């Protein structure tokens, strides 16, 4: 059993990502629309796994320990340990892999962990764990206002991550479904407009590492489809609308 100590959660700049997502709404060519969306969507898909626990080599032999770096900037009211969960599967199923369990004094943790900035003692983020798994995380701005949050959903056996929901200032902004039964197991991204309606649906077939299948669908405020294109091999193959 591999265990390491941590007093922080991942620091994610969702505001910047939101601005990038706004670019998707501009009326560019269909291919440009799709390719702009891809890197942002994939980044969100991996966001639950960005714990900064790895070391990055920089001009060997110097290396950066991200865990130590973030810990030097913040502290938590509960000093959790995290048990690594070995990954067994292919490069696709890693998206649903649960990488770690939270422990306190060697026991699986259920409760809240608050993390504060060392220089100001301001609350940076708050994470809720149930049976060792993170289920909710809140992030706060310098004024103490909740700026964003993430909900995590798992299968009944708590062996796989099923979906995440990202909120900005309490408004649902993005839902990521890692394997949608209604889309033949493809990964689905649902984007909500600031006014609260579903604005865009992106479908990526993650069963192929090269992402050989995809769809982009846009809606107006009444739920009417205004844009629909299908891709294969990252090439536009059908303009449905």
C-alpha atoms as a PDB file:
ATOM      1  CA  UNK A   1       0.000   0.000   0.000  1.00  0.00           C
ATOM      2  CA  UNK A   2       1.501   3.280  -1.084  1.00  0.00           C
ATOM      3  CA  UNK A   3       0.539   6.285   1.044  1.00  0.00           C
ATOM      4  CA  UNK A   4       1.659   9.900   0.967  1.00  0.00           C
ATOM      5  CA  UNK A   5       0.667  12.938   2.998  1.00  0.00           C
ATOM      6  CA  UNK A   6      -0.998  15.984   1.507  1.00  0.00           C
ATOM      7  CA  UNK A   7      -2.660  19.096   2.869  1.00  0.00           C
ATOM      8  CA  UNK A   8      -4.045  20.498  -0.347  1.00  0.00           C
ATOM      9  CA  UNK A   9      -6.251  19.794  -3.317  1.00  0.00           C
ATOM     10  CA  UNK A  10      -5.639  20.672  -6.951  1.00  0.00           C
ATOM     11  CA  UNK A  11      -5.628  24.352  -7.839  1.00  0.00           C
ATOM     12  CA  UNK A  12      -7.574  24.691 -11.083  1.00  0.00           C
ATOM     13  CA  UNK A  13      -8.081  27.924 -13.002  1.00  0.00           C
ATOM     14  CA  UNK A  14     -11.577  27.309 -14.330  1.00  0.00           C
ATOM     15  CA  UNK A  15     -12.142  30.980 -15.119  1.00  0.00           C
ATOM     16  CA  UNK A  16      -9.531  30.811 -17.852  1.00  0.00           C
ATOM     17  CA  UNK A  17     -11.067  27.635 -19.217  1.00  0.00           C
ATOM     18  CA  UNK A  18     -14.470  29.267 -19.224  1.00  0.00           C
ATOM     19  CA  UNK A  19     -13.096  32.127 -21.335  1.00  0.00           C
ATOM     20  CA  UNK A  20     -11.693  29.611 -23.791  1.00  0.00           C
ATOM     21  CA  UNK A  21     -15.040  27.861 -23.966  1.00  0.00           C
ATOM     22  CA  UNK A  22     -16.611  31.198 -24.836  1.00  0.00           C
ATOM     23  CA  UNK A  23     -14.502  31.260 -27.978  1.00  0.00           C
ATOM     24  CA  UNK A  24     -16.277  28.137 -29.161  1.00  0.00           C
ATOM     25  CA  UNK A  25     -19.472  30.105 -29.568  1.00  0.00           C
ATOM     26  CA  UNK A  26     -18.040  32.372 -32.254  1.00  0.00           C
ATOM     27  CA  UNK A  27     -19.140  31.695 -35.820  1.00  0.00           C
ATOM     28  CA  UNK A  28     -15.952  30.277 -37.261  1.00  0.00           C
ATOM     29  CA  UNK A  29     -15.678  27.368 -39.688  1.00  0.00           C
ATOM     30  CA  UNK A  30     -17.031  24.012 -38.546  1.00  0.00           C
ATOM     31  CA  UNK A  31     -13.608  22.414 -38.404  1.00  0.00           C
ATOM     32  CA  UNK A  32     -12.199  25.333 -36.410  1.00  0.00           C
ATOM     33  CA  UNK A  33     -15.112  25.071 -33.982  1.00  0.00           C
ATOM     34  CA  UNK A  34     -14.506  21.391 -33.372  1.00  0.00           C
ATOM     35  CA  UNK A  35     -10.734  21.598 -33.023  1.00  0.00           C
ATOM     36  CA  UNK A  36     -10.983  24.543 -30.637  1.00  0.00           C
ATOM     37  CA  UNK A  37     -13.331  22.526 -28.475  1.00  0.00           C
ATOM     38  CA  UNK A  38     -11.212  19.374 -28.304  1.00  0.00           C
ATOM     39  CA  UNK A  39      -8.285  20.482 -26.103  1.00  0.00           C
ATOM     40  CA  UNK A  40     -10.576  22.254 -23.642  1.00  0.00           C
ATOM     41  CA  UNK A  41     -12.926  19.286 -23.382  1.00  0.00           C
ATOM     42  CA  UNK A  42     -10.109  16.818 -22.869  1.00  0.00           C
ATOM     43  CA  UNK A  43      -8.597  19.081 -20.204  1.00  0.00           C
ATOM     44  CA  UNK A  44     -11.914  19.080 -18.341  1.00  0.00           C
ATOM     45  CA  UNK A  45     -12.164  15.319 -18.713  1.00  0.00           C
ATOM     46  CA  UNK A  46      -8.846  14.907 -16.925  1.00  0.00           C
ATOM     47  CA  UNK A  47      -9.469  17.666 -14.353  1.00  0.00           C
ATOM     48  CA  UNK A  48     -10.433  15.275 -11.520  1.00  0.00           C
ATOM     49  CA  UNK A  49      -6.986  13.670 -11.752  1.00  0.00           C
ATOM     50  CA  UNK A  50      -4.884  16.845 -11.584  1.00  0.00           C
ATOM     51  CA  UNK A  51      -3.556  16.457  -8.054  1.00  0.00           C
ATOM     52  CA  UNK A  52      -0.042  17.740  -8.806  1.00  0.00           C
ATOM     53  CA  UNK A  53       1.586  14.857  -6.988  1.00  0.00           C
ATOM     54  CA  UNK A  54       4.184  14.156  -9.662  1.00  0.00           C
ATOM     55  CA  UNK A  55       7.686  15.469  -9.995  1.00  0.00           C
ATOM     56  CA  UNK A  56       8.684  17.226 -13.188  1.00  0.00           C
ATOM     57  CA  UNK A  57      12.268  17.253 -14.383  1.00  0.00           C
ATOM     58  CA  UNK A  58      13.638  20.704 -15.196  1.00  0.00           C
ATOM     59  CA  UNK A  59      17.230  20.858 -16.445  1.00  0.00           C
ATOM     60  CA  UNK A  60      18.357  17.677 -14.725  1.00  0.00           C
ATOM     61  CA  UNK A  61      19.230  16.964 -11.990  1.00  0.00           C
ATOM     62  CA  UNK A  62      16.883  19.711 -10.683  1.00  0.00           C
ATOM     63  CA  UNK A  63      13.254  18.643 -10.317  1.00  0.00           C
ATOM     64  CA  UNK A  64      10.027  20.223  -9.152  1.00  0.00           C
ATOM     65  CA  UNK A  65       7.941  18.407  -6.550  1.00  0.00           C
ATOM     66  CA  UNK A  66       4.472  19.847  -7.158  1.00  0.00           C
ATOM     67  CA  UNK A  67       3.168  18.419  -3.895  1.00  0.00           C
ATOM     68  CA  UNK A  68       5.806  20.256  -1.882  1.00  0.00           C
ATOM     69  CA  UNK A  69       5.356  23.415  -3.955  1.00  0.00           C
ATOM     70  CA  UNK A  70       1.590  23.705  -3.363  1.00  0.00           C
ATOM     71  CA  UNK A  71       1.985  22.681   0.282  1.00  0.00           C
ATOM     72  CA  UNK A  72       4.408  25.573   0.749  1.00  0.00           C
ATOM     73  CA  UNK A  73       1.671  28.005  -0.305  1.00  0.00           C
ATOM     74  CA  UNK A  74      -1.271  26.617   1.657  1.00  0.00           C
ATOM     75  CA  UNK A  75      -2.323  24.543   4.651  1.00  0.00           C
ATOM     76  CA  UNK A  76      -5.355  22.431   5.555  1.00  0.00           C
ATOM     77  CA  UNK A  77      -7.359  21.902   8.728  1.00  0.00           C
ATOM     78  CA  UNK A  78      -7.254  18.145   8.148  1.00  0.00           C
ATOM     79  CA  UNK A  79      -3.956  16.602   7.069  1.00  0.00           C
ATOM     80  CA  UNK A  80      -5.086  13.702   4.957  1.00  0.00           C
ATOM     81  CA  UNK A  81      -3.036  10.878   3.553  1.00  0.00           C
ATOM     82  CA  UNK A  82      -3.800   9.419   0.152  1.00  0.00           C
ATOM     83  CA  UNK A  83      -3.543   5.804  -0.853  1.00  0.00           C
ATOM     84  CA  UNK A  84      -2.724   5.193  -4.483  1.00  0.00           C
ATOM     85  CA  UNK A  85      -5.014   2.859  -6.398  1.00  0.00           C
ATOM     86  CA  UNK A  86      -3.079   0.971  -9.105  1.00  0.00           C
ATOM     87  CA  UNK A  87      -4.445   1.420 -12.598  1.00  0.00           C
ATOM     88  CA  UNK A  88      -5.287  -1.717 -14.551  1.00  0.00           C
ATOM     89  CA  UNK A  89      -6.759  -1.193 -17.992  1.00  0.00           C
ATOM     90  CA  UNK A  90      -6.204   0.482 -21.331  1.00  0.00           C
ATOM     91  CA  UNK A  91      -5.451   4.102 -22.165  1.00  0.00           C
ATOM     92  CA  UNK A  92      -9.156   4.812 -22.570  1.00  0.00           C
ATOM     93  CA  UNK A  93     -10.472   3.478 -19.265  1.00  0.00           C
ATOM     94  CA  UNK A  94      -7.966   5.642 -17.365  1.00  0.00           C
ATOM     95  CA  UNK A  95     -10.499   8.455 -17.697  1.00  0.00           C
ATOM     96  CA  UNK A  96     -12.797   6.614 -15.287  1.00  0.00           C
ATOM     97  CA  UNK A  97     -10.004   5.394 -13.042  1.00  0.00           C
ATOM     98  CA  UNK A  98     -10.104   6.508  -9.391  1.00  0.00           C
ATOM     99  CA  UNK A  99      -6.452   7.329  -8.645  1.00  0.00           C
ATOM    100  CA  UNK A 100      -6.505   7.571  -4.844  1.00  0.00           C
ATOM    101  CA  UNK A 101      -8.408   7.219  -1.563  1.00  0.00           C
ATOM    102  CA  UNK A 102      -8.309   9.755   1.266  1.00  0.00           C
ATOM    103  CA  UNK A 103      -7.209   8.430   4.675  1.00  0.00           C
ATOM    104  CA  UNK A 104      -7.045   9.945   8.147  1.00  0.00           C
ATOM    105  CA  UNK A 105      -4.917   8.136  10.722  1.00  0.00           C
ATOM    106  CA  UNK A 106      -4.870   5.135   8.407  1.00  0.00           C
ATOM    107  CA  UNK A 107      -8.657   4.914   8.091  1.00  0.00           C
ATOM    108  CA  UNK A 108     -10.772   5.736   5.035  1.00  0.00           C
ATOM    109  CA  UNK A 109     -11.955   9.304   5.510  1.00  0.00           C
ATOM    110  CA  UNK A 110     -15.465  10.735   5.380  1.00  0.00           C
ATOM    111  CA  UNK A 111     -15.650  14.440   6.083  1.00  0.00           C
ATOM    112  CA  UNK A 112     -14.527  17.900   4.992  1.00  0.00           C
ATOM    113  CA  UNK A 113     -11.064  19.279   4.307  1.00  0.00           C
ATOM    114  CA  UNK A 114     -10.609  23.061   4.133  1.00  0.00           C
ATOM    115  CA  UNK A 115      -7.470  24.544   2.607  1.00  0.00           C
ATOM    116  CA  UNK A 116      -6.218  28.058   3.335  1.00  0.00           C
ATOM    117  CA  UNK A 117      -3.619  30.378   1.827  1.00  0.00           C
ATOM    118  CA  UNK A 118      -0.638  30.635   4.151  1.00  0.00           C
ATOM    119  CA  UNK A 119       0.038  34.324   3.617  1.00  0.00           C
ATOM    120  CA  UNK A 120      -3.526  35.524   4.217  1.00  0.00           C
ATOM    121  CA  UNK A 121      -5.309  32.635   5.987  1.00  0.00           C
ATOM    122  CA  UNK A 122      -8.094  33.008   3.418  1.00  0.00           C
ATOM    123  CA  UNK A 123     -10.110  29.910   2.511  1.00  0.00           C
ATOM    124  CA  UNK A 124      -9.016  28.738  -0.941  1.00  0.00           C
ATOM    125  CA  UNK A 125     -11.037  25.583  -1.395  1.00  0.00           C
ATOM    126  CA  UNK A 126     -13.070  23.042   0.496  1.00  0.00           C
ATOM    127  CA  UNK A 127     -13.397  19.353  -0.361  1.00  0.00           C
ATOM    128  CA  UNK A 128     -15.958  16.802   0.814  1.00  0.00           C
ATOM    129  CA  UNK A 129     -14.990  13.115   0.966  1.00  0.00           C
ATOM    130  CA  UNK A 130     -17.278  10.119   1.373  1.00  0.00           C
ATOM    131  CA  UNK A 131     -15.704   6.697   1.936  1.00  0.00           C
ATOM    132  CA  UNK A 132     -12.354   8.105   0.858  1.00  0.00           C
ATOM    133  CA  UNK A 133     -13.609   9.519  -2.446  1.00  0.00           C
ATOM    134  CA  UNK A 134     -13.927  13.195  -3.208  1.00  0.00           C
ATOM    135  CA  UNK A 135     -17.558  14.000  -4.030  1.00  0.00           C
ATOM    136  CA  UNK A 136     -17.615  17.794  -3.972  1.00  0.00           C
ATOM    137  CA  UNK A 137     -15.055  20.606  -4.144  1.00  0.00           C
ATOM    138  CA  UNK A 138     -15.564  24.359  -3.796  1.00  0.00           C
ATOM    139  CA  UNK A 139     -13.131  27.073  -4.867  1.00  0.00           C
ATOM    140  CA  UNK A 140     -13.169  30.630  -3.509  1.00  0.00           C
ATOM    141  CA  UNK A 141     -11.924  33.958  -4.828  1.00  0.00           C
ATOM    142  CA  UNK A 142      -9.940  36.564  -2.874  1.00  0.00           C
ATOM    143  CA  UNK A 143     -13.187  38.075  -1.581  1.00  0.00           C
ATOM    144  CA  UNK A 144     -14.261  34.787  -0.023  1.00  0.00           C
ATOM    145  CA  UNK A 145     -16.981  34.207  -2.608  1.00  0.00           C
ATOM    146  CA  UNK A 146     -17.475  30.713  -4.006  1.00  0.00           C
ATOM    147  CA  UNK A 147     -16.276  31.099  -7.591  1.00  0.00           C
ATOM    148  CA  UNK A 148     -16.598  27.527  -8.820  1.00  0.00           C
ATOM    149  CA  UNK A 149     -17.334  24.004  -7.693  1.00  0.00           C
ATOM    150  CA  UNK A 150     -17.122  20.409  -8.899  1.00  0.00           C
ATOM    151  CA  UNK A 151     -19.368  17.430  -8.189  1.00  0.00           C
ATOM    152  CA  UNK A 152     -18.059  13.887  -8.720  1.00  0.00           C
ATOM    153  CA  UNK A 153     -20.287  10.873  -9.386  1.00  0.00           C
ATOM    154  CA  UNK A 154     -19.234   7.208  -9.168  1.00  0.00           C
ATOM    155  CA  UNK A 155     -20.754   3.859 -10.056  1.00  0.00           C
ATOM    156  CA  UNK A 156     -22.610   1.978  -7.274  1.00  0.00           C
ATOM    157  CA  UNK A 157     -19.547  -0.159  -6.560  1.00  0.00           C
ATOM    158  CA  UNK A 158     -17.452   3.027  -6.235  1.00  0.00           C
ATOM    159  CA  UNK A 159     -14.881   1.603  -8.612  1.00  0.00           C
ATOM    160  CA  UNK A 160     -15.272   4.043 -11.518  1.00  0.00           C
ATOM    161  CA  UNK A 161     -15.854   7.732 -12.063  1.00  0.00           C
ATOM    162  CA  UNK A 162     -19.085   8.128 -14.020  1.00  0.00           C
ATOM    163  CA  UNK A 163     -19.414  11.885 -14.471  1.00  0.00           C
ATOM    164  CA  UNK A 164     -18.509  15.331 -13.164  1.00  0.00           C
ATOM    165  CA  UNK A 165     -20.429  18.581 -13.037  1.00  0.00           C
ATOM    166  CA  UNK A 166     -18.714  21.950 -12.991  1.00  0.00           C
ATOM    167  CA  UNK A 167     -20.458  25.070 -11.672  1.00  0.00           C
ATOM    168  CA  UNK A 168     -19.341  28.677 -11.953  1.00  0.00           C
ATOM    169  CA  UNK A 169     -20.826  31.041  -9.385  1.00  0.00           C
ATOM    170  CA  UNK A 170     -23.436  28.363  -8.558  1.00  0.00           C
ATOM    171  CA  UNK A 171     -24.565  28.013 -12.189  1.00  0.00           C
ATOM    172  CA  UNK A 172     -24.112  24.677 -13.974  1.00  0.00           C
ATOM    173  CA  UNK A 173     -21.575  25.228 -16.745  1.00  0.00           C
ATOM    174  CA  UNK A 174     -20.273  21.831 -17.880  1.00  0.00           C
ATOM    175  CA  UNK A 175     -21.178  18.192 -17.350  1.00  0.00           C
ATOM    176  CA  UNK A 176     -18.757  15.475 -18.422  1.00  0.00           C
ATOM    177  CA  UNK A 177     -20.136  11.941 -18.868  1.00  0.00           C
ATOM    178  CA  UNK A 178     -17.251   9.544 -19.314  1.00  0.00           C
ATOM    179  CA  UNK A 179     -19.190   6.704 -20.920  1.00  0.00           C
ATOM    180  CA  UNK A 180     -22.714   7.566 -22.003  1.00  0.00           C
ATOM    181  CA  UNK A 181     -25.074   4.574 -22.423  1.00  0.00           C
ATOM    182  CA  UNK A 182     -27.269   6.648 -24.741  1.00  0.00           C
ATOM    183  CA  UNK A 183     -24.289   7.355 -27.045  1.00  0.00           C
ATOM    184  CA  UNK A 184     -22.763   3.862 -27.369  1.00  0.00           C
ATOM    185  CA  UNK A 185     -20.293   4.439 -24.560  1.00  0.00           C
ATOM    186  CA  UNK A 186     -18.880   7.651 -26.036  1.00  0.00           C
ATOM    187  CA  UNK A 187     -17.711  10.538 -23.880  1.00  0.00           C
ATOM    188  CA  UNK A 188     -20.262  13.351 -23.752  1.00  0.00           C
ATOM    189  CA  UNK A 189     -19.799  16.992 -22.783  1.00  0.00           C
ATOM    190  CA  UNK A 190     -22.819  19.187 -22.059  1.00  0.00           C
ATOM    191  CA  UNK A 191     -22.281  22.946 -21.941  1.00  0.00           C
ATOM    192  CA  UNK A 192     -24.754  25.300 -20.320  1.00  0.00           C
ATOM    193  CA  UNK A 193     -25.093  28.980 -21.164  1.00  0.00           C
ATOM    194  CA  UNK A 194     -24.803  31.598 -18.406  1.00  0.00           C
ATOM    195  CA  UNK A 195     -28.555  32.090 -18.759  1.00  0.00           C
ATOM    196  CA  UNK A 196     -29.147  28.465 -17.795  1.00  0.00           C
ATOM    197  CA  UNK A 197     -29.984  26.619 -21.008  1.00  0.00           C
ATOM    198  CA  UNK A 198     -28.099  23.775 -22.693  1.00  0.00           C
ATOM    199  CA  UNK A 199     -25.985  25.469 -25.333  1.00  0.00           C
ATOM    200  CA  UNK A 200     -23.766  22.761 -26.795  1.00  0.00           C
ATOM    201  CA  UNK A 201     -23.405  18.992 -26.801  1.00  0.00           C
ATOM    202  CA  UNK A 202     -20.067  17.437 -27.800  1.00  0.00           C
ATOM    203  CA  UNK A 203     -19.692  13.702 -28.336  1.00  0.00           C
ATOM    204  CA  UNK A 204     -16.281  12.044 -28.553  1.00  0.00           C
ATOM    205  CA  UNK A 205     -15.813   8.322 -29.098  1.00  0.00           C
ATOM    206  CA  UNK A 206     -13.106   7.585 -26.541  1.00  0.00           C
ATOM    207  CA  UNK A 207     -12.929   3.881 -27.407  1.00  0.00           C
ATOM    208  CA  UNK A 208     -10.333   4.792 -30.022  1.00  0.00           C
ATOM    209  CA  UNK A 209      -7.235   6.577 -28.649  1.00  0.00           C
ATOM    210  CA  UNK A 210      -7.142   8.680 -31.832  1.00  0.00           C
ATOM    211  CA  UNK A 211     -10.740   9.873 -31.325  1.00  0.00           C
ATOM    212  CA  UNK A 212     -12.048   8.771 -34.710  1.00  0.00           C
ATOM    213  CA  UNK A 213     -15.651   9.768 -34.140  1.00  0.00           C
ATOM    214  CA  UNK A 214     -17.275  12.937 -32.903  1.00  0.00           C
ATOM    215  CA  UNK A 215     -20.296  15.204 -33.082  1.00  0.00           C
ATOM    216  CA  UNK A 216     -20.894  18.832 -32.189  1.00  0.00           C
ATOM    217  CA  UNK A 217     -24.477  20.012 -31.637  1.00  0.00           C
ATOM    218  CA  UNK A 218     -25.560  23.528 -30.675  1.00  0.00           C
ATOM    219  CA  UNK A 219     -28.951  24.677 -29.391  1.00  0.00           C
ATOM    220  CA  UNK A 220     -30.780  27.957 -28.988  1.00  0.00           C
ATOM    221  CA  UNK A 221     -32.574  28.972 -25.795  1.00  0.00           C
ATOM    222  CA  UNK A 222     -35.695  27.058 -26.886  1.00  0.00           C
ATOM    223  CA  UNK A 223     -33.810  23.791 -27.323  1.00  0.00           C
ATOM    224  CA  UNK A 224     -33.870  23.948 -31.135  1.00  0.00           C
ATOM    225  CA  UNK A 225     -30.793  22.559 -32.893  1.00  0.00           C
ATOM    226  CA  UNK A 226     -28.988  25.339 -34.752  1.00  0.00           C
ATOM    227  CA  UNK A 227     -25.749  23.505 -35.626  1.00  0.00           C
ATOM    228  CA  UNK A 228     -24.968  19.804 -36.020  1.00  0.00           C
ATOM    229  CA  UNK A 229     -21.900  18.247 -37.634  1.00  0.00           C
ATOM    230  CA  UNK A 230     -20.333  14.791 -37.504  1.00  0.00           C
ATOM    231  CA  UNK A 231     -16.659  13.894 -37.756  1.00  0.00           C
ATOM    232  CA  UNK A 232     -14.646  10.760 -38.398  1.00  0.00           C
ATOM    233  CA  UNK A 233     -10.877  10.666 -38.171  1.00  0.00           C
ATOM    234  CA  UNK A 234     -11.111  14.340 -37.137  1.00  0.00           C
ATOM    235  CA  UNK A 235     -12.439  15.155 -40.619  1.00  0.00           C
ATOM    236  CA  UNK A 236     -15.867  16.579 -41.288  1.00  0.00           C
ATOM    237  CA  UNK A 237     -17.954  13.835 -42.898  1.00  0.00           C
ATOM    238  CA  UNK A 238     -21.508  15.123 -42.521  1.00  0.00           C
ATOM    239  CA  UNK A 239     -23.083  18.514 -41.986  1.00  0.00           C
ATOM    240  CA  UNK A 240     -26.471  17.575 -40.565  1.00  0.00           C
ATOM    241  CA  UNK A 241     -27.498  21.157 -39.933  1.00  0.00           C
END
